């Protein structure tokens, strides 16, 4: 809890955005983000809008200060924040999609109980083979390629638990069940895909102001039609984060900013490439330190 609370109190523009978001969402996003209850905020249909708005308002302030991206990428939900940062769609359009995405993913998780887990200390091939073995008994597959030694799996509860057990026997350092409400980035999202695609098709995507890197391919694109297609595929497809970061580095990226709450991606970036200069910008204090450094 407390996401963006310091920005809310410091910047009038942030308070205005939270007012717009609350009206669109149908609940007081500022109250929920700052005060909870935590159990409600942890629900996917509430978590996703809260995370998106937090990162969006920080991106706006960065732009106001002349701190602009030369390319963008986002992890899972973060892809929507990256597209907004690249001016692909407006705040209200993006938030409507995020709201629907969260609701549909929540619904899918309630229809079929799913799970996700992070396997740490095994490479892609080892985790792939484990999922293949476990899938003979229950659905489980690769979901997020977070770093060379951290792979997230997704599937039915039985499938994920079996794969976790096999991973530990295979020498994984850790196999950690994630606190999520469904099997995201897996075939268990298929039942809600068509409804999402219908609404996605209604949104007009502009050409991005900078290259955007897709979760689905790990590659850059500036084609609005491709971006829209990949957002649909993203619900079921693995997040190719390791490939994304490597391609961004190959494209000339040297300084990465993680915009939003926490420092998870900053940690992962350093696991992918120790030479990467990564800075988290999720609080006013972090923003001011960055401003002093860059401006």
Protein backbone atom coordinates (compact mmCIF):
# COMPACT_ATOMS: atom_id res chain seq x y z
CA UNK A 1 0.00 0.00 0.00
CA UNK A 2 0.99 3.66 -0.26
CA UNK A 3 1.78 3.50 -4.00
CA UNK A 4 2.36 7.04 -5.32
CA UNK A 5 1.07 8.65 -2.12
CA UNK A 6 4.06 11.00 -1.94
CA UNK A 7 3.50 12.06 -5.59
CA UNK A 8 -0.20 12.59 -4.86
CA UNK A 9 0.53 15.02 -2.03
CA UNK A 10 3.30 16.89 -3.89
CA UNK A 11 1.89 17.34 -7.41
CA UNK A 12 -1.53 18.78 -8.36
CA UNK A 13 -1.31 17.03 -11.74
CA UNK A 14 -1.08 13.66 -10.00
CA UNK A 15 -4.15 14.40 -7.87
CA UNK A 16 -6.01 15.30 -11.06
CA UNK A 17 -5.02 12.01 -12.72
CA UNK A 18 -6.18 10.00 -9.71
CA UNK A 19 -9.49 11.84 -9.82
CA UNK A 20 -9.90 10.95 -13.50
CA UNK A 21 -8.93 7.34 -12.79
CA UNK A 22 -11.39 6.99 -9.91
CA UNK A 23 -14.23 8.30 -12.07
CA UNK A 24 -13.39 5.89 -14.88
CA UNK A 25 -12.83 2.89 -12.61
CA UNK A 26 -15.86 3.42 -10.39
CA UNK A 27 -13.95 3.33 -7.10
CA UNK A 28 -11.62 5.65 -5.16
CA UNK A 29 -8.24 4.58 -6.51
CA UNK A 30 -6.27 6.97 -4.30
CA UNK A 31 -7.90 5.67 -1.11
CA UNK A 32 -7.42 2.05 -2.10
CA UNK A 33 -3.81 2.58 -3.21
CA UNK A 34 -2.82 4.51 -0.09
CA UNK A 35 -4.97 2.94 2.62
CA UNK A 36 -6.12 -0.45 1.39
CA UNK A 37 -7.53 -2.77 2.58
CA UNK A 38 -4.53 -4.75 1.37
CA UNK A 39 -6.62 -7.84 0.56
CA UNK A 40 -8.75 -5.80 -1.86
CA UNK A 41 -5.74 -4.08 -3.43
CA UNK A 42 -4.14 -7.50 -3.98
CA UNK A 43 -6.98 -8.55 -6.27
CA UNK A 44 -5.86 -8.47 -9.91
CA UNK A 45 -8.72 -6.23 -11.04
CA UNK A 46 -7.59 -3.60 -8.50
CA UNK A 47 -3.83 -4.19 -8.58
CA UNK A 48 -3.44 -3.61 -12.30
CA UNK A 49 -5.08 -0.13 -12.45
CA UNK A 50 -3.18 0.93 -9.31
CA UNK A 51 0.16 -0.09 -10.77
CA UNK A 52 -0.59 1.46 -14.15
CA UNK A 53 -1.65 4.85 -12.76
CA UNK A 54 1.39 4.97 -10.46
CA UNK A 55 3.80 4.49 -13.35
CA UNK A 56 1.82 6.78 -15.67
CA UNK A 57 1.94 9.80 -13.35
CA UNK A 58 5.68 9.38 -12.81
CA UNK A 59 6.24 9.18 -16.56
CA UNK A 60 4.32 12.43 -16.97
CA UNK A 61 6.51 14.20 -14.43
CA UNK A 62 9.66 12.82 -16.04
CA UNK A 63 8.50 14.22 -19.39
CA UNK A 64 7.73 17.60 -17.81
CA UNK A 65 11.33 17.68 -16.58
CA UNK A 66 12.72 16.80 -19.99
CA UNK A 67 13.68 13.24 -19.06
CA UNK A 68 12.49 11.38 -22.15
CA UNK A 69 12.96 7.75 -23.21
CA UNK A 70 14.79 6.76 -26.40
CA UNK A 71 13.06 3.36 -26.33
CA UNK A 72 10.59 1.65 -23.99
CA UNK A 73 9.56 -1.77 -22.72
CA UNK A 74 7.37 -3.04 -19.90
CA UNK A 75 7.02 -6.36 -18.12
CA UNK A 76 3.52 -7.87 -18.51
CA UNK A 77 1.13 -5.13 -17.28
CA UNK A 78 4.08 -2.74 -17.52
CA UNK A 79 3.84 -2.98 -21.29
CA UNK A 80 0.78 -0.72 -21.10
CA UNK A 81 2.77 1.87 -19.15
CA UNK A 82 5.56 1.70 -21.72
CA UNK A 83 3.10 2.21 -24.58
CA UNK A 84 1.57 5.19 -22.83
CA UNK A 85 5.07 6.60 -22.30
CA UNK A 86 5.61 6.24 -26.06
CA UNK A 87 2.35 8.13 -26.78
CA UNK A 88 0.64 5.12 -28.37
CA UNK A 89 -2.63 5.87 -26.57
CA UNK A 90 -4.07 8.41 -24.14
CA UNK A 91 -4.49 7.95 -20.40
CA UNK A 92 -8.21 7.16 -20.47
CA UNK A 93 -7.88 4.68 -23.35
CA UNK A 94 -5.01 2.88 -21.67
CA UNK A 95 -6.73 2.74 -18.29
CA UNK A 96 -9.91 1.31 -19.83
CA UNK A 97 -7.85 -1.50 -21.35
CA UNK A 98 -5.99 -2.07 -18.10
CA UNK A 99 -9.28 -2.15 -16.18
CA UNK A 100 -10.75 -4.72 -18.56
CA UNK A 101 -7.55 -6.78 -18.61
CA UNK A 102 -7.51 -6.94 -14.82
CA UNK A 103 -11.18 -7.90 -14.63
CA UNK A 104 -10.87 -10.61 -17.26
CA UNK A 105 -7.73 -12.08 -15.73
CA UNK A 106 -9.43 -12.07 -12.33
CA UNK A 107 -12.46 -13.83 -13.86
CA UNK A 108 -10.28 -16.42 -15.57
CA UNK A 109 -8.55 -17.15 -12.27
CA UNK A 110 -11.91 -17.67 -10.58
CA UNK A 111 -13.16 -20.02 -13.32
CA UNK A 112 -10.15 -22.32 -13.18
CA UNK A 113 -7.88 -22.11 -10.16
CA UNK A 114 -4.39 -21.41 -11.48
CA UNK A 115 -0.99 -20.63 -10.04
CA UNK A 116 2.43 -19.27 -10.91
CA UNK A 117 5.87 -19.88 -9.44
CA UNK A 118 9.40 -18.56 -9.90
CA UNK A 119 12.10 -21.16 -10.46
CA UNK A 120 15.47 -19.72 -9.47
CA UNK A 121 18.83 -21.25 -10.26
CA UNK A 122 17.97 -23.35 -13.32
CA UNK A 123 18.33 -22.32 -16.95
CA UNK A 124 15.62 -22.17 -19.58
CA UNK A 125 16.20 -25.65 -20.97
CA UNK A 126 16.08 -27.31 -17.55
CA UNK A 127 12.81 -25.57 -16.63
CA UNK A 128 11.35 -26.31 -20.07
CA UNK A 129 12.08 -30.02 -19.62
CA UNK A 130 10.55 -29.96 -16.14
CA UNK A 131 7.36 -28.39 -17.48
CA UNK A 132 7.22 -30.99 -20.23
CA UNK A 133 7.42 -33.78 -17.66
CA UNK A 134 4.88 -32.20 -15.31
CA UNK A 135 2.46 -31.50 -18.17
CA UNK A 136 1.91 -35.22 -18.63
CA UNK A 137 -0.17 -35.02 -15.46
CA UNK A 138 -1.38 -31.39 -15.27
CA UNK A 139 -1.08 -28.17 -17.29
CA UNK A 140 2.03 -26.09 -16.64
CA UNK A 141 4.26 -24.08 -18.97
CA UNK A 142 6.84 -21.30 -19.13
CA UNK A 143 5.39 -17.84 -18.48
CA UNK A 144 8.14 -15.28 -17.82
CA UNK A 145 11.78 -15.37 -18.88
CA UNK A 146 12.83 -12.89 -16.20
CA UNK A 147 16.59 -13.50 -16.27
CA UNK A 148 18.90 -16.34 -17.32
CA UNK A 149 18.44 -18.02 -13.94
CA UNK A 150 14.88 -16.98 -13.05
CA UNK A 151 12.02 -18.50 -15.03
CA UNK A 152 8.36 -18.16 -14.01
CA UNK A 153 5.98 -21.03 -14.70
CA UNK A 154 2.20 -20.87 -14.94
CA UNK A 155 -0.64 -23.39 -15.04
CA UNK A 156 -3.05 -25.35 -12.89
CA UNK A 157 -2.29 -25.55 -9.18
CA UNK A 158 -1.39 -29.25 -9.47
CA UNK A 159 0.80 -28.63 -12.50
CA UNK A 160 2.73 -25.79 -10.89
CA UNK A 161 3.21 -27.66 -7.61
CA UNK A 162 4.49 -30.74 -9.42
CA UNK A 163 6.89 -28.64 -11.50
CA UNK A 164 8.13 -26.90 -8.34
CA UNK A 165 8.86 -30.27 -6.75
CA UNK A 166 10.68 -31.49 -9.86
CA UNK A 167 12.69 -28.25 -10.01
CA UNK A 168 13.86 -28.63 -6.43
CA UNK A 169 14.92 -32.21 -7.11
CA UNK A 170 16.78 -30.96 -10.20
CA UNK A 171 18.85 -28.56 -8.09
CA UNK A 172 16.96 -25.27 -8.23
CA UNK A 173 18.08 -22.79 -5.60
CA UNK A 174 14.47 -21.87 -4.92
CA UNK A 175 10.99 -22.59 -6.21
CA UNK A 176 8.67 -19.85 -4.99
CA UNK A 177 4.90 -19.77 -5.40
CA UNK A 178 3.82 -16.28 -6.50
CA UNK A 179 1.00 -14.38 -4.82
CA UNK A 180 -1.24 -14.07 -7.88
CA UNK A 181 -4.88 -14.93 -8.48
CA UNK A 182 -4.48 -16.92 -11.69
CA UNK A 183 -2.29 -18.63 -14.27
CA UNK A 184 -1.34 -15.57 -16.27
CA UNK A 185 0.51 -15.83 -19.59
CA UNK A 186 -0.77 -19.36 -20.05
CA UNK A 187 -3.49 -21.16 -22.02
CA UNK A 188 -5.78 -20.81 -18.98
CA UNK A 189 -6.36 -17.21 -20.10
CA UNK A 190 -7.88 -18.44 -23.39
CA UNK A 191 -11.54 -18.22 -22.20
CA UNK A 192 -11.30 -14.44 -21.78
CA UNK A 193 -9.16 -13.67 -24.82
CA UNK A 194 -11.95 -12.98 -27.33
CA UNK A 195 -13.71 -10.49 -25.06
CA UNK A 196 -10.44 -8.62 -24.60
CA UNK A 197 -9.69 -8.63 -28.34
CA UNK A 198 -13.10 -7.12 -29.12
CA UNK A 199 -12.43 -4.16 -26.84
CA UNK A 200 -8.79 -3.89 -27.90
CA UNK A 201 -9.89 -3.53 -31.51
CA UNK A 202 -11.96 -0.46 -30.60
CA UNK A 203 -8.93 1.49 -29.36
CA UNK A 204 -6.97 3.57 -31.86
CA UNK A 205 -3.22 3.11 -31.52
CA UNK A 206 -0.94 5.93 -32.67
CA UNK A 207 2.55 5.41 -34.02
CA UNK A 208 4.91 5.36 -31.02
CA UNK A 209 7.22 8.31 -30.48
CA UNK A 210 10.09 5.87 -29.78
CA UNK A 211 10.61 2.15 -30.49
CA UNK A 212 8.65 -0.17 -28.20
CA UNK A 213 9.82 -3.68 -27.38
CA UNK A 214 7.15 -6.37 -27.25
CA UNK A 215 6.85 -8.97 -24.49
CA UNK A 216 5.80 -11.51 -27.11
CA UNK A 217 8.81 -11.17 -29.42
CA UNK A 218 11.43 -9.32 -27.40
CA UNK A 219 11.94 -7.18 -30.51
CA UNK A 220 11.32 -3.50 -31.27
CA UNK A 221 8.40 -2.32 -33.34
CA UNK A 222 6.94 1.03 -34.32
CA UNK A 223 3.94 -0.41 -36.17
CA UNK A 224 0.63 0.31 -34.38
CA UNK A 225 -1.08 -2.75 -35.90
CA UNK A 226 1.73 -5.01 -34.67
CA UNK A 227 1.66 -3.46 -31.22
CA UNK A 228 -2.07 -4.09 -30.92
CA UNK A 229 -1.72 -7.68 -32.15
CA UNK A 230 1.07 -8.40 -29.66
CA UNK A 231 -0.97 -6.99 -26.75
CA UNK A 232 -3.65 -9.56 -27.51
CA UNK A 233 -1.15 -12.40 -27.74
CA UNK A 234 0.52 -11.27 -24.53
CA UNK A 235 -2.33 -12.63 -22.37
CA UNK A 236 -1.42 -16.20 -23.31
CA UNK A 237 2.24 -15.88 -24.31
CA UNK A 238 5.42 -15.92 -22.22
CA UNK A 239 7.06 -12.60 -21.34
CA UNK A 240 10.44 -12.66 -23.10
CA UNK A 241 12.04 -10.20 -20.73
CA UNK A 242 15.63 -11.45 -20.99
CA UNK A 243 15.51 -11.24 -24.78
CA UNK A 244 13.87 -7.82 -24.60
CA UNK A 245 16.62 -6.34 -22.47
CA UNK A 246 19.36 -7.89 -24.59
CA UNK A 247 17.82 -6.46 -27.74
CA UNK A 248 17.50 -3.03 -26.11
CA UNK A 249 21.19 -3.11 -25.18
CA UNK A 250 22.04 -4.15 -28.73
CA UNK A 251 19.96 -1.19 -29.90
CA UNK A 252 22.07 1.22 -27.87
CA UNK A 253 20.33 1.38 -24.47
CA UNK A 254 22.79 2.09 -21.66
CA UNK A 255 20.77 3.73 -18.91
CA UNK A 256 17.50 2.07 -17.84
CA UNK A 257 14.81 3.66 -15.67
CA UNK A 258 12.34 1.43 -13.85
CA UNK A 259 9.27 3.62 -13.50
CA UNK A 260 6.74 2.53 -10.88
CA UNK A 261 6.67 0.87 -7.47
CA UNK A 262 9.53 -1.32 -6.28
CA UNK A 263 12.87 -2.35 -7.74
CA UNK A 264 12.15 -5.83 -9.08
CA UNK A 265 13.06 -5.03 -12.67
CA UNK A 266 16.21 -3.19 -11.63
CA UNK A 267 17.32 -6.37 -9.88
CA UNK A 268 16.45 -8.51 -12.91
CA UNK A 269 18.27 -6.19 -15.30
CA UNK A 270 21.46 -6.66 -13.34
CA UNK A 271 20.97 -10.42 -13.45
CA UNK A 272 20.72 -10.19 -17.23
CA UNK A 273 23.69 -7.86 -17.74
CA UNK A 274 25.89 -6.64 -14.88
CA UNK A 275 27.08 -3.71 -17.00
CA UNK A 276 23.59 -2.19 -17.16
CA UNK A 277 23.04 1.14 -15.42
CA UNK A 278 19.57 0.70 -13.90
CA UNK A 279 17.76 3.15 -11.63
CA UNK A 280 14.36 2.74 -9.98
CA UNK A 281 12.04 5.77 -9.95
CA UNK A 282 9.06 4.98 -7.75
CA UNK A 283 9.13 7.68 -5.07
CA UNK A 284 9.49 11.45 -5.01
CA UNK A 285 12.87 11.04 -3.32
CA UNK A 286 14.09 8.78 -6.13
CA UNK A 287 12.74 11.22 -8.71
CA UNK A 288 14.59 14.16 -7.17
CA UNK A 289 17.85 12.20 -6.98
CA UNK A 290 17.49 11.26 -10.65
CA UNK A 291 16.72 14.86 -11.61
CA UNK A 292 19.83 16.08 -9.82
CA UNK A 293 21.93 13.47 -11.62
CA UNK A 294 20.61 14.03 -15.13
CA UNK A 295 19.65 17.70 -15.29
